[in-house]
Amino acid sequence: MYPILFCSILALGVFIERLFKLRQVRVLPQDLIQNLNDLIMRYKYPDAISLCQGHPSPIARIYHAGLKISGQPRQVIKEVVQEVGRREAAELEKYLSVLSTVASITPLLGLLGTVSGMIKTFNIIAYYGVGNPGTMAGGISEALITTAAGLTVAIPTLVGYRFVSSKADNLILNLEEQSIKLVESLKGPEQ
């Protein structure tokens, strides 16, 4: 039961942390994007770079990377923006594997408890016989409780994993769309 309890605390902590980190306003603040696009349209790249440097969002880091090499050929800007975008996407997907692992391992931990409980039950049967059902109840109870506990942790963790994974995927898709727009607005002459 202790490993299952630890997994439940870990999963809850990761889920709450991911909910906080994967907020739209934190990853893709629309006011920042609008201000940056306005500055880029007016060719005020130094002002846009300053605005990016003062903002902690992933989209600001992507814009900053692209703005530093504005005027370069499209392919060069695209490669730089994609590289920064990959790093930011990895940061958005951070710890999702922990949720997936907890969702996978807790039913197995429950099954391990079931096996342990059944072993105890059969040891009691071997020693005392089957005459007193009360002596077997402890092992059977352990088996059922650990199975239930494992599933009780696994099911919400799987739902939480799917939720934050979907949220991260949507944010990454939006980052990619903004990155494409950025590359097109900053590209220089084709070579």
C-alpha atoms as a PDB file:
ATOM      1  CA  MET A   1       0.000   0.000   0.000  1.00  0.00           C
ATOM      2  CA  TYR A   2       2.874   2.421   0.674  1.00  0.00           C
ATOM      3  CA  PRO A   3       4.105   2.371  -2.941  1.00  0.00           C
ATOM      4  CA  ILE A   4       0.542   2.950  -4.150  1.00  0.00           C
ATOM      5  CA  LEU A   5       0.160   5.864  -1.737  1.00  0.00           C
ATOM      6  CA  PHE A   6       3.485   7.313  -2.916  1.00  0.00           C
ATOM      7  CA  CYS A   7       2.369   6.970  -6.549  1.00  0.00           C
ATOM      8  CA  SER A   8      -0.907   8.752  -5.810  1.00  0.00           C
ATOM      9  CA  ILE A   9       0.885  11.687  -4.167  1.00  0.00           C
ATOM     10  CA  LEU A  10       3.401  11.864  -7.027  1.00  0.00           C
ATOM     11  CA  ALA A  11       0.670  11.772  -9.674  1.00  0.00           C
ATOM     12  CA  LEU A  12      -1.358  14.476  -7.949  1.00  0.00           C
ATOM     13  CA  GLY A  13       1.707  16.709  -7.608  1.00  0.00           C
ATOM     14  CA  VAL A  14       2.674  16.307 -11.267  1.00  0.00           C
ATOM     15  CA  PHE A  15      -0.914  16.855 -12.419  1.00  0.00           C
ATOM     16  CA  ILE A  16      -1.261  20.108 -10.466  1.00  0.00           C
ATOM     17  CA  GLU A  17       2.173  21.334 -11.629  1.00  0.00           C
ATOM     18  CA  ARG A  18       1.296  20.596 -15.277  1.00  0.00           C
ATOM     19  CA  LEU A  19      -2.064  22.352 -14.964  1.00  0.00           C
ATOM     20  CA  PHE A  20      -0.230  25.433 -13.735  1.00  0.00           C
ATOM     21  CA  LYS A  21       2.489  25.291 -16.421  1.00  0.00           C
ATOM     22  CA  LEU A  22       0.132  24.519 -19.312  1.00  0.00           C
ATOM     23  CA  ARG A  23      -2.113  27.528 -19.004  1.00  0.00           C
ATOM     24  CA  GLN A  24      -2.779  29.311 -22.298  1.00  0.00           C
ATOM     25  CA  VAL A  25      -2.005  32.691 -20.745  1.00  0.00           C
ATOM     26  CA  ARG A  26       1.414  31.425 -19.610  1.00  0.00           C
ATOM     27  CA  VAL A  27       2.436  29.704 -22.860  1.00  0.00           C
ATOM     28  CA  LEU A  28       0.772  31.847 -25.537  1.00  0.00           C
ATOM     29  CA  PRO A  29      -0.227  35.210 -24.051  1.00  0.00           C
ATOM     30  CA  GLN A  30      -2.350  36.812 -26.749  1.00  0.00           C
ATOM     31  CA  ASP A  31      -1.531  40.383 -25.752  1.00  0.00           C
ATOM     32  CA  LEU A  32       2.191  39.655 -26.108  1.00  0.00           C
ATOM     33  CA  ILE A  33       1.706  38.004 -29.502  1.00  0.00           C
ATOM     34  CA  GLN A  34      -0.388  40.935 -30.709  1.00  0.00           C
ATOM     35  CA  ASN A  35       2.189  43.473 -29.502  1.00  0.00           C
ATOM     36  CA  LEU A  36       5.050  41.530 -31.091  1.00  0.00           C
ATOM     37  CA  ASN A  37       3.223  41.167 -34.391  1.00  0.00           C
ATOM     38  CA  ASP A  38       2.456  44.895 -34.413  1.00  0.00           C
ATOM     39  CA  LEU A  39       6.134  45.737 -33.794  1.00  0.00           C
ATOM     40  CA  ILE A  40       7.246  43.303 -36.489  1.00  0.00           C
ATOM     41  CA  MET A  41       4.800  44.764 -39.010  1.00  0.00           C
ATOM     42  CA  ARG A  42       6.317  48.209 -38.301  1.00  0.00           C
ATOM     43  CA  TYR A  43       9.860  46.763 -38.547  1.00  0.00           C
ATOM     44  CA  LYS A  44      10.642  47.713 -34.950  1.00  0.00           C
ATOM     45  CA  TYR A  45      12.733  44.612 -34.357  1.00  0.00           C
ATOM     46  CA  PRO A  46      14.863  46.036 -31.496  1.00  0.00           C
ATOM     47  CA  ASP A  47      11.687  46.916 -29.577  1.00  0.00           C
ATOM     48  CA  ALA A  48      10.253  43.453 -30.260  1.00  0.00           C
ATOM     49  CA  ILE A  49      13.491  41.817 -29.049  1.00  0.00           C
ATOM     50  CA  SER A  50      13.342  43.877 -25.854  1.00  0.00           C
ATOM     51  CA  LEU A  51       9.739  42.868 -25.307  1.00  0.00           C
ATOM     52  CA  CYS A  52      10.671  39.181 -25.756  1.00  0.00           C
ATOM     53  CA  GLN A  53      13.581  39.426 -23.339  1.00  0.00           C
ATOM     54  CA  GLY A  54      11.296  40.749 -20.638  1.00  0.00           C
ATOM     55  CA  HIS A  55       8.746  37.935 -20.944  1.00  0.00           C
ATOM     56  CA  PRO A  56       9.087  34.365 -19.585  1.00  0.00           C
ATOM     57  CA  SER A  57       6.710  32.619 -22.015  1.00  0.00           C
ATOM     58  CA  PRO A  58       7.743  29.953 -24.539  1.00  0.00           C
ATOM     59  CA  ILE A  59       6.380  32.006 -27.439  1.00  0.00           C
ATOM     60  CA  ALA A  60       8.567  34.945 -26.367  1.00  0.00           C
ATOM     61  CA  ARG A  61      11.653  32.706 -26.563  1.00  0.00           C
ATOM     62  CA  ILE A  62      10.635  31.503 -30.016  1.00  0.00           C
ATOM     63  CA  TYR A  63      10.034  35.051 -31.263  1.00  0.00           C
ATOM     64  CA  HIS A  64      13.310  36.181 -29.703  1.00  0.00           C
ATOM     65  CA  ALA A  65      15.264  33.506 -31.579  1.00  0.00           C
ATOM     66  CA  GLY A  66      13.622  34.443 -34.866  1.00  0.00           C
ATOM     67  CA  LEU A  67      13.974  38.183 -34.366  1.00  0.00           C
ATOM     68  CA  LYS A  68      17.705  37.910 -33.687  1.00  0.00           C
ATOM     69  CA  ILE A  69      18.238  36.599 -37.217  1.00  0.00           C
ATOM     70  CA  SER A  70      15.542  38.545 -39.055  1.00  0.00           C
ATOM     71  CA  GLY A  71      16.269  39.253 -42.671  1.00  0.00           C
ATOM     72  CA  GLN A  72      18.014  35.926 -43.192  1.00  0.00           C
ATOM     73  CA  PRO A  73      16.673  33.473 -45.783  1.00  0.00           C
ATOM     74  CA  ARG A  74      13.478  31.707 -44.842  1.00  0.00           C
ATOM     75  CA  GLN A  75      15.186  28.326 -44.372  1.00  0.00           C
ATOM     76  CA  VAL A  76      17.697  29.712 -41.852  1.00  0.00           C
ATOM     77  CA  ILE A  77      14.995  31.400 -39.784  1.00  0.00           C
ATOM     78  CA  LYS A  78      12.837  28.300 -40.005  1.00  0.00           C
ATOM     79  CA  GLU A  79      15.608  26.043 -38.700  1.00  0.00           C
ATOM     80  CA  VAL A  80      16.388  28.313 -35.753  1.00  0.00           C
ATOM     81  CA  VAL A  81      12.728  28.779 -34.852  1.00  0.00           C
ATOM     82  CA  GLN A  82      12.108  25.019 -35.137  1.00  0.00           C
ATOM     83  CA  GLU A  83      15.046  24.232 -32.866  1.00  0.00           C
ATOM     84  CA  VAL A  84      13.823  26.608 -30.173  1.00  0.00           C
ATOM     85  CA  GLY A  85      10.274  25.330 -30.702  1.00  0.00           C
ATOM     86  CA  ARG A  86      11.401  21.733 -30.133  1.00  0.00           C
ATOM     87  CA  ARG A  87      13.024  22.717 -26.837  1.00  0.00           C
ATOM     88  CA  GLU A  88       9.891  24.555 -25.755  1.00  0.00           C
ATOM     89  CA  ALA A  89       7.675  21.617 -26.781  1.00  0.00           C
ATOM     90  CA  ALA A  90       9.838  19.263 -24.728  1.00  0.00           C
ATOM     91  CA  GLU A  91       9.397  21.585 -21.754  1.00  0.00           C
ATOM     92  CA  LEU A  92       5.614  21.517 -22.204  1.00  0.00           C
ATOM     93  CA  GLU A  93       5.645  17.703 -22.287  1.00  0.00           C
ATOM     94  CA  LYS A  94       7.898  17.491 -19.244  1.00  0.00           C
ATOM     95  CA  TYR A  95       6.788  15.018 -16.558  1.00  0.00           C
ATOM     96  CA  LEU A  96       3.969  13.567 -18.674  1.00  0.00           C
ATOM     97  CA  SER A  97       5.835  10.269 -18.688  1.00  0.00           C
ATOM     98  CA  VAL A  98       5.607  10.246 -14.878  1.00  0.00           C
ATOM     99  CA  LEU A  99       1.811  10.315 -15.075  1.00  0.00           C
ATOM    100  CA  SER A 100       1.821   7.605 -17.720  1.00  0.00           C
ATOM    101  CA  THR A 101       4.120   5.429 -15.623  1.00  0.00           C
ATOM    102  CA  VAL A 102       2.038   5.873 -12.467  1.00  0.00           C
ATOM    103  CA  ALA A 103      -1.130   4.996 -14.410  1.00  0.00           C
ATOM    104  CA  SER A 104       0.586   1.846 -15.676  1.00  0.00           C
ATOM    105  CA  ILE A 105       2.329   0.724 -12.516  1.00  0.00           C
ATOM    106  CA  THR A 106      -0.333   1.200  -9.832  1.00  0.00           C
ATOM    107  CA  PRO A 107      -2.618  -1.608 -11.101  1.00  0.00           C
ATOM    108  CA  LEU A 108       0.459  -3.831 -11.106  1.00  0.00           C
ATOM    109  CA  LEU A 109       1.238  -2.829  -7.536  1.00  0.00           C
ATOM    110  CA  GLY A 110      -2.371  -3.673  -6.667  1.00  0.00           C
ATOM    111  CA  LEU A 111      -1.967  -7.028  -8.379  1.00  0.00           C
ATOM    112  CA  LEU A 112       1.192  -7.633  -6.386  1.00  0.00           C
ATOM    113  CA  GLY A 113      -0.804  -6.991  -3.215  1.00  0.00           C
ATOM    114  CA  THR A 114      -3.453  -9.403  -4.462  1.00  0.00           C
ATOM    115  CA  VAL A 115      -0.869 -12.125  -4.970  1.00  0.00           C
ATOM    116  CA  SER A 116       0.642 -11.401  -1.558  1.00  0.00           C
ATOM    117  CA  GLY A 117      -2.781 -11.624   0.098  1.00  0.00           C
ATOM    118  CA  MET A 118      -3.610 -14.859  -1.657  1.00  0.00           C
ATOM    119  CA  ILE A 119      -0.259 -16.353  -0.638  1.00  0.00           C
ATOM    120  CA  LYS A 120      -1.053 -15.485   2.970  1.00  0.00           C
ATOM    121  CA  THR A 121      -4.503 -17.029   2.594  1.00  0.00           C
ATOM    122  CA  PHE A 122      -3.113 -20.268   1.187  1.00  0.00           C
ATOM    123  CA  ASN A 123      -0.449 -20.391   3.906  1.00  0.00           C
ATOM    124  CA  ILE A 124      -3.213 -20.104   6.521  1.00  0.00           C
ATOM    125  CA  ILE A 125      -5.214 -22.829   4.758  1.00  0.00           C
ATOM    126  CA  ALA A 126      -2.125 -25.052   4.684  1.00  0.00           C
ATOM    127  CA  TYR A 127      -1.502 -24.529   8.386  1.00  0.00           C
ATOM    128  CA  TYR A 128      -5.045 -24.429   9.841  1.00  0.00           C
ATOM    129  CA  GLY A 129      -7.148 -26.060   7.135  1.00  0.00           C
ATOM    130  CA  VAL A 130     -10.354 -24.627   5.740  1.00  0.00           C
ATOM    131  CA  GLY A 131     -12.438 -25.100   8.881  1.00  0.00           C
ATOM    132  CA  ASN A 132     -12.388 -21.441  10.056  1.00  0.00           C
ATOM    133  CA  PRO A 133     -13.192 -18.823   7.405  1.00  0.00           C
ATOM    134  CA  GLY A 134     -12.210 -16.006   9.774  1.00  0.00           C
ATOM    135  CA  THR A 135      -8.568 -17.018   9.610  1.00  0.00           C
ATOM    136  CA  MET A 136      -8.572 -16.633   5.833  1.00  0.00           C
ATOM    137  CA  ALA A 137     -10.367 -13.278   5.804  1.00  0.00           C
ATOM    138  CA  GLY A 138      -7.217 -11.235   6.517  1.00  0.00           C
ATOM    139  CA  GLY A 139      -5.380 -12.467   3.414  1.00  0.00           C
ATOM    140  CA  ILE A 140      -8.418 -12.126   1.181  1.00  0.00           C
ATOM    141  CA  SER A 141      -9.064  -8.648   2.557  1.00  0.00           C
ATOM    142  CA  GLU A 142      -5.467  -7.619   1.803  1.00  0.00           C
ATOM    143  CA  ALA A 143      -5.843  -8.940  -1.733  1.00  0.00           C
ATOM    144  CA  LEU A 144      -9.009  -6.982  -2.412  1.00  0.00           C
ATOM    145  CA  ILE A 145      -7.904  -3.752  -0.741  1.00  0.00           C
ATOM    146  CA  THR A 146      -4.625  -3.513  -2.660  1.00  0.00           C
ATOM    147  CA  THR A 147      -6.349  -4.255  -5.952  1.00  0.00           C
ATOM    148  CA  ALA A 148      -8.941  -1.568  -5.280  1.00  0.00           C
ATOM    149  CA  ALA A 149      -6.281   0.906  -4.169  1.00  0.00           C
ATOM    150  CA  GLY A 150      -4.196   0.300  -7.287  1.00  0.00           C
ATOM    151  CA  LEU A 151      -7.180   0.857  -9.558  1.00  0.00           C
ATOM    152  CA  THR A 152      -8.360   3.861  -7.537  1.00  0.00           C
ATOM    153  CA  VAL A 153      -5.033   5.559  -8.213  1.00  0.00           C
ATOM    154  CA  ALA A 154      -4.562   4.341 -11.794  1.00  0.00           C
ATOM    155  CA  ILE A 155      -7.907   5.395 -13.245  1.00  0.00           C
ATOM    156  CA  PRO A 156      -7.840   9.101 -12.233  1.00  0.00           C
ATOM    157  CA  THR A 157      -4.134   9.264 -13.095  1.00  0.00           C
ATOM    158  CA  LEU A 158      -4.830   7.961 -16.595  1.00  0.00           C
ATOM    159  CA  VAL A 159      -7.629  10.496 -17.042  1.00  0.00           C
ATOM    160  CA  GLY A 160      -5.346  13.274 -15.764  1.00  0.00           C
ATOM    161  CA  TYR A 161      -2.540  12.131 -18.063  1.00  0.00           C
ATOM    162  CA  ARG A 162      -4.835  12.207 -21.088  1.00  0.00           C
ATOM    163  CA  PHE A 163      -6.123  15.647 -20.117  1.00  0.00           C
ATOM    164  CA  VAL A 164      -2.733  17.324 -19.654  1.00  0.00           C
ATOM    165  CA  SER A 165      -1.270  15.477 -22.641  1.00  0.00           C
ATOM    166  CA  SER A 166      -4.065  16.795 -24.844  1.00  0.00           C
ATOM    167  CA  LYS A 167      -3.595  20.276 -23.410  1.00  0.00           C
ATOM    168  CA  ALA A 168       0.151  20.138 -24.125  1.00  0.00           C
ATOM    169  CA  ASP A 169      -0.479  18.888 -27.682  1.00  0.00           C
ATOM    170  CA  ASN A 170      -2.901  21.750 -28.371  1.00  0.00           C
ATOM    171  CA  LEU A 171      -0.453  24.329 -27.026  1.00  0.00           C
ATOM    172  CA  ILE A 172       2.384  22.863 -29.097  1.00  0.00           C
ATOM    173  CA  LEU A 173       0.192  23.021 -32.205  1.00  0.00           C
ATOM    174  CA  ASN A 174      -0.571  26.679 -31.470  1.00  0.00           C
ATOM    175  CA  LEU A 175       3.150  27.378 -30.929  1.00  0.00           C
ATOM    176  CA  GLU A 176       3.863  25.803 -34.323  1.00  0.00           C
ATOM    177  CA  GLU A 177       1.222  27.952 -36.010  1.00  0.00           C
ATOM    178  CA  GLN A 178       2.647  31.119 -34.469  1.00  0.00           C
ATOM    179  CA  SER A 179       6.153  30.020 -35.449  1.00  0.00           C
ATOM    180  CA  ILE A 180       5.122  29.594 -39.084  1.00  0.00           C
ATOM    181  CA  LYS A 181       3.621  33.089 -39.105  1.00  0.00           C
ATOM    182  CA  LEU A 182       6.795  34.449 -37.529  1.00  0.00           C
ATOM    183  CA  VAL A 183       9.053  32.817 -40.124  1.00  0.00           C
ATOM    184  CA  GLU A 184       6.967  34.248 -42.950  1.00  0.00           C
ATOM    185  CA  SER A 185       7.014  37.755 -41.498  1.00  0.00           C
ATOM    186  CA  LEU A 186      10.774  37.777 -40.852  1.00  0.00           C
ATOM    187  CA  LYS A 187      12.157  36.080 -43.941  1.00  0.00           C
ATOM    188  CA  GLY A 188      14.623  37.949 -46.061  1.00  0.00           C
ATOM    189  CA  PRO A 189      15.395  37.463 -49.725  1.00  0.00           C
ATOM    190  CA  GLU A 190      15.442  33.869 -50.936  1.00  0.00           C
ATOM    191  CA  GLN A 191      18.809  32.494 -51.940  1.00  0.00           C
END
